[in-house]
Amino acid sequence: MAADLIAAVSEIPASEVDVLVAPNLDPVVLAEVEAARKAVAALDEQQRNVAAVSRQAVRHLREIGLTGVDAATVLGVSAQRVSQLAKS
């Protein structure tokens, strides 16, 4: 809505208007928010790395003849998770 209003008042196409909404936060709260965002990003990357290592482990366990249930027991995950990892 803001972009449309600015475009109408300025007589320019709305597609040329960028609106950035930024809350006015206390610096301490802003620092906490930034720390939380960085932690979430780091966790996301770590989860991707864990999944990659787990996929490789599942692949190798299956190559040496373990069943999905046996691989799940060795990895400490569910058989369903082993199945997901084997498919990805």
C-alpha atoms as a PDB file:
ATOM      1  CA  MET A   1       0.000   0.000   0.000  1.00  0.00           C
ATOM      2  CA  ALA A   2       2.811   2.382   0.841  1.00  0.00           C
ATOM      3  CA  ALA A   3       4.456   1.852  -2.542  1.00  0.00           C
ATOM      4  CA  ASP A   4       1.174   2.559  -4.319  1.00  0.00           C
ATOM      5  CA  LEU A   5       0.645   5.754  -2.325  1.00  0.00           C
ATOM      6  CA  ILE A   6       4.196   6.978  -2.936  1.00  0.00           C
ATOM      7  CA  ALA A   7       3.866   6.169  -6.634  1.00  0.00           C
ATOM      8  CA  ALA A   8       0.568   8.028  -6.929  1.00  0.00           C
ATOM      9  CA  VAL A   9       1.829  11.126  -5.104  1.00  0.00           C
ATOM     10  CA  SER A  10       5.156  11.126  -6.957  1.00  0.00           C
ATOM     11  CA  GLU A  11       3.567  10.239 -10.295  1.00  0.00           C
ATOM     12  CA  ILE A  12       5.935   7.343 -10.936  1.00  0.00           C
ATOM     13  CA  PRO A  13       5.182   3.642 -11.541  1.00  0.00           C
ATOM     14  CA  ALA A  14       4.727   1.626  -8.351  1.00  0.00           C
ATOM     15  CA  SER A  15       7.214  -0.908  -9.754  1.00  0.00           C
ATOM     16  CA  GLU A  16       9.921   1.737  -9.335  1.00  0.00           C
ATOM     17  CA  VAL A  17       9.185   2.298  -5.656  1.00  0.00           C
ATOM     18  CA  ASP A  18      10.990   0.249  -3.022  1.00  0.00           C
ATOM     19  CA  VAL A  19       9.677   0.440   0.526  1.00  0.00           C
ATOM     20  CA  LEU A  20      11.836  -0.771   3.380  1.00  0.00           C
ATOM     21  CA  VAL A  21      10.111  -1.265   6.712  1.00  0.00           C
ATOM     22  CA  ALA A  22      12.618  -1.159   9.537  1.00  0.00           C
ATOM     23  CA  PRO A  23      11.503  -1.190  13.159  1.00  0.00           C
ATOM     24  CA  ASN A  24      13.036   1.393  15.442  1.00  0.00           C
ATOM     25  CA  LEU A  25      14.459  -0.905  18.107  1.00  0.00           C
ATOM     26  CA  ASP A  26      16.486  -0.294  21.204  1.00  0.00           C
ATOM     27  CA  PRO A  27      20.157  -1.052  20.400  1.00  0.00           C
ATOM     28  CA  VAL A  28      20.253  -3.861  22.979  1.00  0.00           C
ATOM     29  CA  VAL A  29      17.180  -5.543  21.465  1.00  0.00           C
ATOM     30  CA  LEU A  30      18.554  -5.001  17.953  1.00  0.00           C
ATOM     31  CA  ALA A  31      21.798  -6.721  18.972  1.00  0.00           C
ATOM     32  CA  GLU A  32      19.802  -9.653  20.362  1.00  0.00           C
ATOM     33  CA  VAL A  33      17.808  -9.904  17.137  1.00  0.00           C
ATOM     34  CA  GLU A  34      20.985  -9.897  15.053  1.00  0.00           C
ATOM     35  CA  ALA A  35      22.542 -12.540  17.312  1.00  0.00           C
ATOM     36  CA  ALA A  36      19.434 -14.696  16.965  1.00  0.00           C
ATOM     37  CA  ARG A  37      19.466 -14.349  13.169  1.00  0.00           C
ATOM     38  CA  LYS A  38      23.136 -15.327  13.019  1.00  0.00           C
ATOM     39  CA  ALA A  39      22.509 -18.311  15.292  1.00  0.00           C
ATOM     40  CA  VAL A  40      19.612 -19.491  13.103  1.00  0.00           C
ATOM     41  CA  ALA A  41      21.770 -19.171   9.975  1.00  0.00           C
ATOM     42  CA  ALA A  42      24.600 -21.100  11.631  1.00  0.00           C
ATOM     43  CA  LEU A  43      22.198 -23.807  12.776  1.00  0.00           C
ATOM     44  CA  ASP A  44      20.750 -24.094   9.274  1.00  0.00           C
ATOM     45  CA  GLU A  45      24.214 -24.610   7.816  1.00  0.00           C
ATOM     46  CA  GLN A  46      25.089 -27.114  10.520  1.00  0.00           C
ATOM     47  CA  GLN A  47      21.892 -29.080   9.799  1.00  0.00           C
ATOM     48  CA  ARG A  48      22.783 -29.230   6.103  1.00  0.00           C
ATOM     49  CA  ASN A  49      26.268 -30.492   6.992  1.00  0.00           C
ATOM     50  CA  VAL A  50      24.870 -33.130   9.362  1.00  0.00           C
ATOM     51  CA  ALA A  51      22.449 -34.319   6.690  1.00  0.00           C
ATOM     52  CA  ALA A  52      25.282 -34.620   4.155  1.00  0.00           C
ATOM     53  CA  VAL A  53      27.442 -36.634   6.545  1.00  0.00           C
ATOM     54  CA  SER A  54      24.461 -38.781   7.510  1.00  0.00           C
ATOM     55  CA  ARG A  55      23.605 -39.468   3.847  1.00  0.00           C
ATOM     56  CA  GLN A  56      27.157 -40.621   3.257  1.00  0.00           C
ATOM     57  CA  ALA A  57      27.092 -42.835   6.341  1.00  0.00           C
ATOM     58  CA  VAL A  58      23.778 -44.390   5.275  1.00  0.00           C
ATOM     59  CA  ARG A  59      25.132 -45.010   1.796  1.00  0.00           C
ATOM     60  CA  HIS A  60      28.209 -46.766   3.184  1.00  0.00           C
ATOM     61  CA  LEU A  61      26.251 -48.767   5.742  1.00  0.00           C
ATOM     62  CA  ARG A  62      23.887 -49.976   3.018  1.00  0.00           C
ATOM     63  CA  GLU A  63      26.842 -50.786   0.732  1.00  0.00           C
ATOM     64  CA  ILE A  64      28.297 -53.121   3.363  1.00  0.00           C
ATOM     65  CA  GLY A  65      24.979 -54.924   3.597  1.00  0.00           C
ATOM     66  CA  LEU A  66      23.174 -53.424   6.559  1.00  0.00           C
ATOM     67  CA  THR A  67      19.420 -53.160   6.356  1.00  0.00           C
ATOM     68  CA  GLY A  68      17.660 -49.850   6.859  1.00  0.00           C
ATOM     69  CA  VAL A  69      16.685 -50.914  10.387  1.00  0.00           C
ATOM     70  CA  ASP A  70      20.267 -51.931  11.196  1.00  0.00           C
ATOM     71  CA  ALA A  71      21.629 -48.668   9.773  1.00  0.00           C
ATOM     72  CA  ALA A  72      19.088 -46.776  11.887  1.00  0.00           C
ATOM     73  CA  THR A  73      20.255 -48.571  15.003  1.00  0.00           C
ATOM     74  CA  VAL A  74      23.909 -47.842  14.257  1.00  0.00           C
ATOM     75  CA  LEU A  75      23.195 -44.154  13.558  1.00  0.00           C
ATOM     76  CA  GLY A  76      20.744 -43.723  16.415  1.00  0.00           C
ATOM     77  CA  VAL A  77      17.950 -42.484  14.155  1.00  0.00           C
ATOM     78  CA  SER A  78      14.640 -43.918  12.991  1.00  0.00           C
ATOM     79  CA  ALA A  79      14.350 -46.299  10.076  1.00  0.00           C
ATOM     80  CA  GLN A  80      12.192 -43.661   8.405  1.00  0.00           C
ATOM     81  CA  ARG A  81      15.042 -41.151   8.666  1.00  0.00           C
ATOM     82  CA  VAL A  82      17.430 -43.661   7.111  1.00  0.00           C
ATOM     83  CA  SER A  83      14.957 -44.106   4.265  1.00  0.00           C
ATOM     84  CA  GLN A  84      14.781 -40.321   3.763  1.00  0.00           C
ATOM     85  CA  LEU A  85      18.555 -40.008   3.776  1.00  0.00           C
ATOM     86  CA  ALA A  86      18.944 -42.878   1.333  1.00  0.00           C
ATOM     87  CA  LYS A  87      16.544 -41.202  -1.127  1.00  0.00           C
ATOM     88  CA  SER A  88      18.171 -37.772  -1.052  1.00  0.00           C
END
